[in-house]
C-alpha atoms as a PDB file:
ATOM      1  CA  MET A   1       0.000   0.000   0.000  1.00  0.00           C
ATOM      2  CA  TRP A   2       2.771   2.414   0.971  1.00  0.00           C
ATOM      3  CA  VAL A   3       4.600   1.586  -2.240  1.00  0.00           C
ATOM      4  CA  ILE A   4       1.604   2.704  -4.307  1.00  0.00           C
ATOM      5  CA  ILE A   5       1.142   5.932  -2.281  1.00  0.00           C
ATOM      6  CA  SER A   6       4.854   6.796  -2.474  1.00  0.00           C
ATOM      7  CA  GLY A   7       4.817   6.084  -6.221  1.00  0.00           C
ATOM      8  CA  ILE A   8       1.800   8.374  -6.739  1.00  0.00           C
ATOM      9  CA  LEU A   9       3.411  11.109  -4.606  1.00  0.00           C
ATOM     10  CA  GLY A  10       6.664  10.802  -6.579  1.00  0.00           C
ATOM     11  CA  ILE A  11       4.834  11.143  -9.910  1.00  0.00           C
ATOM     12  CA  ALA A  12       2.812  14.107  -8.557  1.00  0.00           C
ATOM     13  CA  GLY A  13       6.016  15.783  -7.327  1.00  0.00           C
ATOM     14  CA  PHE A  14       7.633  15.286 -10.734  1.00  0.00           C
ATOM     15  CA  LEU A  15       4.602  16.791 -12.531  1.00  0.00           C
ATOM     16  CA  ILE A  16       4.538  19.805 -10.190  1.00  0.00           C
ATOM     17  CA  SER A  17       8.266  20.367 -10.759  1.00  0.00           C
ATOM     18  CA  LEU A  18       7.771  20.121 -14.527  1.00  0.00           C
ATOM     19  CA  ILE A  19       4.891  22.644 -14.420  1.00  0.00           C
ATOM     20  CA  ASN A  20       7.032  25.047 -12.339  1.00  0.00           C
ATOM     21  CA  LEU A  21       9.920  24.724 -14.798  1.00  0.00           C
ATOM     22  CA  ILE A  22       7.662  25.478 -17.782  1.00  0.00           C
ATOM     23  CA  ASN A  23       6.115  28.416 -15.899  1.00  0.00           C
ATOM     24  CA  TYR A  24       9.598  29.769 -15.117  1.00  0.00           C
ATOM     25  CA  PHE A  25      10.633  29.741 -18.799  1.00  0.00           C
ATOM     26  CA  VAL A  26       7.351  31.275 -19.960  1.00  0.00           C
ATOM     27  CA  SER A  27       7.284  34.032 -17.319  1.00  0.00           C
ATOM     28  CA  HIS A  28      10.955  34.970 -17.803  1.00  0.00           C
ATOM     29  CA  LYS A  29      10.752  35.565 -21.539  1.00  0.00           C
ATOM     30  CA  VAL A  30      11.626  39.015 -22.855  1.00  0.00           C
ATOM     31  CA  ASN A  31       8.561  40.830 -24.160  1.00  0.00           C
ATOM     32  CA  LEU A  32       9.344  44.478 -24.955  1.00  0.00           C
ATOM     33  CA  GLU A  33       7.112  46.648 -27.133  1.00  0.00           C
ATOM     34  CA  ILE A  34       8.576  49.686 -28.878  1.00  0.00           C
ATOM     35  CA  THR A  35       6.415  52.326 -30.544  1.00  0.00           C
ATOM     36  CA  MET A  36       7.636  55.433 -32.357  1.00  0.00           C
ATOM     37  CA  LEU A  37       4.895  57.998 -31.830  1.00  0.00           C
ATOM     38  CA  GLU A  38       6.262  61.009 -33.694  1.00  0.00           C
ATOM     39  CA  TYR A  39       9.174  62.099 -35.896  1.00  0.00           C
ATOM     40  CA  ALA A  40      10.104  65.778 -36.320  1.00  0.00           C
ATOM     41  CA  TYR A  41      12.998  67.698 -37.907  1.00  0.00           C
ATOM     42  CA  LYS A  42      14.595  70.889 -36.630  1.00  0.00           C
ATOM     43  CA  LEU A  43      17.374  72.656 -38.466  1.00  0.00           C
ATOM     44  CA  GLY A  44      20.691  72.637 -36.724  1.00  0.00           C
ATOM     45  CA  VAL A  45      24.025  74.271 -37.463  1.00  0.00           C
ATOM     46  CA  GLN A  46      26.870  73.509 -39.911  1.00  0.00           C
ATOM     47  CA  GLY A  47      24.839  71.538 -42.435  1.00  0.00           C
ATOM     48  CA  LYS A  48      23.258  69.273 -39.818  1.00  0.00           C
ATOM     49  CA  LYS A  49      19.689  68.814 -38.703  1.00  0.00           C
ATOM     50  CA  ARG A  50      18.225  67.254 -35.608  1.00  0.00           C
ATOM     51  CA  LEU A  51      15.687  64.466 -35.819  1.00  0.00           C
ATOM     52  CA  PHE A  52      13.476  64.324 -32.733  1.00  0.00           C
ATOM     53  CA  ILE A  53      11.828  60.973 -32.056  1.00  0.00           C
ATOM     54  CA  HIS A  54       9.017  60.538 -29.555  1.00  0.00           C
ATOM     55  CA  TYR A  55       9.056  56.911 -28.405  1.00  0.00           C
ATOM     56  CA  LYS A  56       7.180  54.660 -26.008  1.00  0.00           C
ATOM     57  CA  LEU A  57       8.574  51.495 -24.408  1.00  0.00           C
ATOM     58  CA  ASN A  58       6.360  48.897 -22.751  1.00  0.00           C
ATOM     59  CA  ASN A  59       7.980  46.077 -20.780  1.00  0.00           C
ATOM     60  CA  LYS A  60       5.404  43.273 -20.666  1.00  0.00           C
ATOM     61  CA  SER A  61       7.776  40.692 -19.206  1.00  0.00           C
ATOM     62  CA  GLN A  62       8.489  39.617 -15.641  1.00  0.00           C
ATOM     63  CA  LEU A  63      12.112  40.768 -15.970  1.00  0.00           C
ATOM     64  CA  PRO A  64      13.643  44.229 -15.735  1.00  0.00           C
ATOM     65  CA  ILE A  65      15.056  45.328 -19.109  1.00  0.00           C
ATOM     66  CA  SER A  66      17.543  48.045 -20.022  1.00  0.00           C
ATOM     67  CA  VAL A  67      17.538  49.513 -23.511  1.00  0.00           C
ATOM     68  CA  THR A  68      21.254  50.175 -23.793  1.00  0.00           C
ATOM     69  CA  ASP A  69      21.474  51.612 -27.305  1.00  0.00           C
ATOM     70  CA  ILE A  70      19.229  52.767 -30.127  1.00  0.00           C
ATOM     71  CA  GLN A  71      20.879  53.719 -33.401  1.00  0.00           C
ATOM     72  CA  LEU A  72      19.243  55.235 -36.453  1.00  0.00           C
ATOM     73  CA  VAL A  73      20.264  53.573 -39.746  1.00  0.00           C
ATOM     74  CA  LEU A  74      20.019  55.759 -42.869  1.00  0.00           C
ATOM     75  CA  ASN A  75      21.455  54.551 -46.191  1.00  0.00           C
ATOM     76  CA  GLY A  76      23.640  52.009 -44.394  1.00  0.00           C
ATOM     77  CA  ILE A  77      25.129  54.613 -42.017  1.00  0.00           C
ATOM     78  CA  GLU A  78      24.457  54.290 -38.291  1.00  0.00           C
ATOM     79  CA  TYR A  79      23.770  57.439 -36.273  1.00  0.00           C
ATOM     80  CA  THR A  80      23.955  57.378 -32.495  1.00  0.00           C
ATOM     81  CA  GLU A  81      21.849  59.408 -30.138  1.00  0.00           C
ATOM     82  CA  ASP A  82      22.971  62.998 -29.545  1.00  0.00           C
ATOM     83  CA  TYR A  83      24.254  63.157 -25.984  1.00  0.00           C
ATOM     84  CA  ASN A  84      23.604  66.913 -25.734  1.00  0.00           C
ATOM     85  CA  THR A  85      20.430  67.966 -24.005  1.00  0.00           C
ATOM     86  CA  HIS A  86      17.906  69.744 -26.251  1.00  0.00           C
ATOM     87  CA  GLU A  87      14.599  71.380 -25.465  1.00  0.00           C
ATOM     88  CA  VAL A  88      12.018  69.367 -27.384  1.00  0.00           C
ATOM     89  CA  ASN A  89       8.923  71.412 -26.649  1.00  0.00           C
ATOM     90  CA  SER A  90       7.474  73.660 -23.985  1.00  0.00           C
ATOM     91  CA  TYR A  91       4.269  75.222 -22.800  1.00  0.00           C
ATOM     92  CA  HIS A  92       3.278  78.177 -20.659  1.00  0.00           C
ATOM     93  CA  HIS A  93       1.209  77.556 -17.590  1.00  0.00           C
ATOM     94  CA  LYS A  94      -0.533  80.345 -15.726  1.00  0.00           C
ATOM     95  CA  ALA A  95      -1.607  79.561 -12.179  1.00  0.00           C
ATOM     96  CA  LYS A  96      -2.575  82.097  -9.511  1.00  0.00           C
ATOM     97  CA  GLY A  97      -1.263  84.984 -11.585  1.00  0.00           C
ATOM     98  CA  VAL A  98       2.174  83.398 -12.064  1.00  0.00           C
ATOM     99  CA  ASP A  99       3.258  82.583 -15.616  1.00  0.00           C
ATOM    100  CA  GLU A 100       5.349  79.418 -15.604  1.00  0.00           C
ATOM    101  CA  TYR A 101       7.474  78.178 -18.493  1.00  0.00           C
ATOM    102  CA  VAL A 102       7.576  74.356 -18.527  1.00  0.00           C
ATOM    103  CA  PRO A 103      10.112  72.828 -20.944  1.00  0.00           C
ATOM    104  CA  THR A 104      10.461  69.186 -22.018  1.00  0.00           C
ATOM    105  CA  TYR A 105      13.950  67.839 -22.753  1.00  0.00           C
ATOM    106  CA  ASN A 106      15.244  64.785 -24.564  1.00  0.00           C
ATOM    107  CA  GLU A 107      16.456  61.754 -22.652  1.00  0.00           C
ATOM    108  CA  HIS A 108      19.648  59.789 -22.829  1.00  0.00           C
ATOM    109  CA  LEU A 109      20.316  56.079 -22.971  1.00  0.00           C
ATOM    110  CA  PRO A 110      20.327  53.629 -21.204  1.00  0.00           C
ATOM    111  CA  ILE A 111      16.653  53.452 -20.323  1.00  0.00           C
ATOM    112  CA  ASN A 112      15.901  51.110 -17.440  1.00  0.00           C
ATOM    113  CA  LEU A 113      12.455  49.522 -17.271  1.00  0.00           C
ATOM    114  CA  GLU A 114      11.231  47.529 -14.304  1.00  0.00           C
ATOM    115  CA  CYS A 115       9.013  44.522 -14.962  1.00  0.00           C
ATOM    116  CA  LEU A 116       5.555  45.392 -16.268  1.00  0.00           C
ATOM    117  CA  HIS A 117       6.390  49.107 -16.660  1.00  0.00           C
ATOM    118  CA  SER A 118       6.119  51.614 -19.510  1.00  0.00           C
ATOM    119  CA  HIS A 119       8.170  54.672 -20.356  1.00  0.00           C
ATOM    120  CA  SER A 120       7.886  57.446 -22.908  1.00  0.00           C
ATOM    121  CA  GLY A 121      10.268  60.203 -23.934  1.00  0.00           C
ATOM    122  CA  TYR A 122      12.268  61.821 -26.721  1.00  0.00           C
ATOM    123  CA  LEU A 123      15.549  60.930 -28.405  1.00  0.00           C
ATOM    124  CA  VAL A 124      17.543  63.253 -30.678  1.00  0.00           C
ATOM    125  CA  PHE A 125      19.725  62.206 -33.602  1.00  0.00           C
ATOM    126  CA  VAL A 126      21.973  64.621 -35.505  1.00  0.00           C
ATOM    127  CA  ILE A 127      22.055  63.755 -39.210  1.00  0.00           C
ATOM    128  CA  PRO A 128      23.465  65.520 -42.299  1.00  0.00           C
ATOM    129  CA  GLU A 129      21.115  68.056 -43.860  1.00  0.00           C
ATOM    130  CA  ASP A 130      21.327  66.404 -47.287  1.00  0.00           C
ATOM    131  CA  ASN A 131      20.188  63.039 -45.857  1.00  0.00           C
ATOM    132  CA  SER A 132      16.383  63.314 -45.867  1.00  0.00           C
ATOM    133  CA  PRO A 133      14.626  60.000 -45.259  1.00  0.00           C
ATOM    134  CA  ASN A 134      10.936  59.604 -45.994  1.00  0.00           C
ATOM    135  CA  LEU A 135       9.429  59.722 -42.513  1.00  0.00           C
ATOM    136  CA  ASP A 136       6.058  58.439 -43.736  1.00  0.00           C
ATOM    137  CA  LYS A 137       7.583  55.082 -44.739  1.00  0.00           C
ATOM    138  CA  GLY A 138       9.274  54.634 -41.364  1.00  0.00           C
ATOM    139  CA  LEU A 139      12.831  54.592 -40.112  1.00  0.00           C
ATOM    140  CA  THR A 140      15.235  51.733 -39.467  1.00  0.00           C
ATOM    141  CA  PHE A 141      16.627  51.358 -35.954  1.00  0.00           C
ATOM    142  CA  GLN A 142      19.202  49.080 -34.353  1.00  0.00           C
ATOM    143  CA  ILE A 143      18.048  48.345 -30.830  1.00  0.00           C
ATOM    144  CA  ARG A 144      20.205  46.755 -28.143  1.00  0.00           C
ATOM    145  CA  THR A 145      19.005  45.574 -24.745  1.00  0.00           C
ATOM    146  CA  ASN A 146      20.658  43.753 -21.889  1.00  0.00           C
ATOM    147  CA  ARG A 147      18.367  40.744 -22.533  1.00  0.00           C
ATOM    148  CA  ASN A 148      18.590  40.312 -26.325  1.00  0.00           C
ATOM    149  CA  LYS A 149      21.202  40.578 -28.946  1.00  0.00           C
ATOM    150  CA  GLU A 150      20.974  43.569 -31.274  1.00  0.00           C
ATOM    151  CA  VAL A 151      17.870  43.754 -33.452  1.00  0.00           C
ATOM    152  CA  GLN A 152      17.473  45.878 -36.573  1.00  0.00           C
ATOM    153  CA  LYS A 153      13.880  46.818 -37.417  1.00  0.00           C
ATOM    154  CA  LYS A 154      12.094  49.238 -39.702  1.00  0.00           C
ATOM    155  CA  VAL A 155       9.525  51.104 -37.630  1.00  0.00           C
ATOM    156  CA  SER A 156       6.646  53.144 -39.021  1.00  0.00           C
ATOM    157  CA  LEU A 157       4.795  55.738 -36.985  1.00  0.00           C
ATOM    158  CA  ASN A 158       2.527  54.234 -34.316  1.00  0.00           C
ATOM    159  CA  GLU A 159       3.557  50.696 -35.294  1.00  0.00           C
ATOM    160  CA  VAL A 160       4.099  48.442 -32.284  1.00  0.00           C
ATOM    161  CA  VAL A 161       7.314  46.441 -32.661  1.00  0.00           C
ATOM    162  CA  THR A 162       7.709  43.580 -30.212  1.00  0.00           C
ATOM    163  CA  LEU A 163      11.091  42.194 -29.190  1.00  0.00           C
ATOM    164  CA  ARG A 164      10.753  38.700 -27.777  1.00  0.00           C
ATOM    165  CA  SER A 165      13.269  36.144 -26.672  1.00  0.00           C
ATOM    166  CA  THR A 166      13.014  32.676 -28.077  1.00  0.00           C
ATOM    167  CA  LEU A 167      12.647  29.605 -25.922  1.00  0.00           C
ATOM    168  CA  PRO A 168      15.750  27.381 -25.677  1.00  0.00           C
ATOM    169  CA  TYR A 169      14.293  24.593 -27.818  1.00  0.00           C
ATOM    170  CA  GLN A 170      13.530  27.102 -30.623  1.00  0.00           C
ATOM    171  CA  LYS A 171      17.162  28.282 -30.658  1.00  0.00           C
ATOM    172  CA  TYR A 172      18.440  24.727 -30.976  1.00  0.00           C
ATOM    173  CA  LYS A 173      15.760  23.850 -33.547  1.00  0.00           C
ATOM    174  CA  ASN A 174      16.913  26.779 -35.732  1.00  0.00           C
ATOM    175  CA  LEU A 175      20.559  25.737 -35.370  1.00  0.00           C
ATOM    176  CA  PHE A 176      19.673  22.142 -36.262  1.00  0.00           C
ATOM    177  CA  LEU A 177      17.731  23.202 -39.371  1.00  0.00           C
ATOM    178  CA  LYS A 178      20.586  25.502 -40.454  1.00  0.00           C
ATOM    179  CA  ASP A 179      23.122  22.689 -40.000  1.00  0.00           C
ATOM    180  CA  LYS A 180      20.876  20.268 -41.890  1.00  0.00           C
ATOM    181  CA  ALA A 181      20.517  22.763 -44.789  1.00  0.00           C
ATOM    182  CA  GLU A 182      24.319  23.197 -44.993  1.00  0.00           C
ATOM    183  CA  HIS A 183      24.782  19.425 -45.307  1.00  0.00           C
ATOM    184  CA  LYS A 184      22.322  19.251 -48.203  1.00  0.00           C
ATOM    185  CA  VAL A 185      24.261  21.913 -50.151  1.00  0.00           C
ATOM    186  CA  HIS A 186      27.484  19.916 -50.111  1.00  0.00           C
END
């Protein structure tokens, strides 16, 4: 009798451990949404112009994520974020007879997101004046996080781009299929 009960308890313990392991892998996947809300140009100095990008990041995963670098790719040339602080926009606020000037400034990378948090702000890129991409068709960005390798995506306005990590078996499946395809070529 005790042999049957201990066998059932052992199988139940194994199933609970397996469910916890699957839950761990599913809940610790990277799920980061990136949305570019607005693009705007402002003329700069010395044949350069500034491209202001209003972005929104949404961390839907159970892990904190840091966006360590975002580069703009135009005609094969990568442009990094301008590390100078620029006033993006401002508004005047009048309260109790006092006129307040409230400016909004661009942010700088890295951007740290806790689990299940969102963040919005502005980035500025300085590009040559003669390089005028079509903003209506979207822009190409290289995005690096501390959880994924670098990803290059073309992002249109208000398009939600999701960066997800792959499960371990998917990584190995892709490597196996690639290796199998190489053997067929020879």
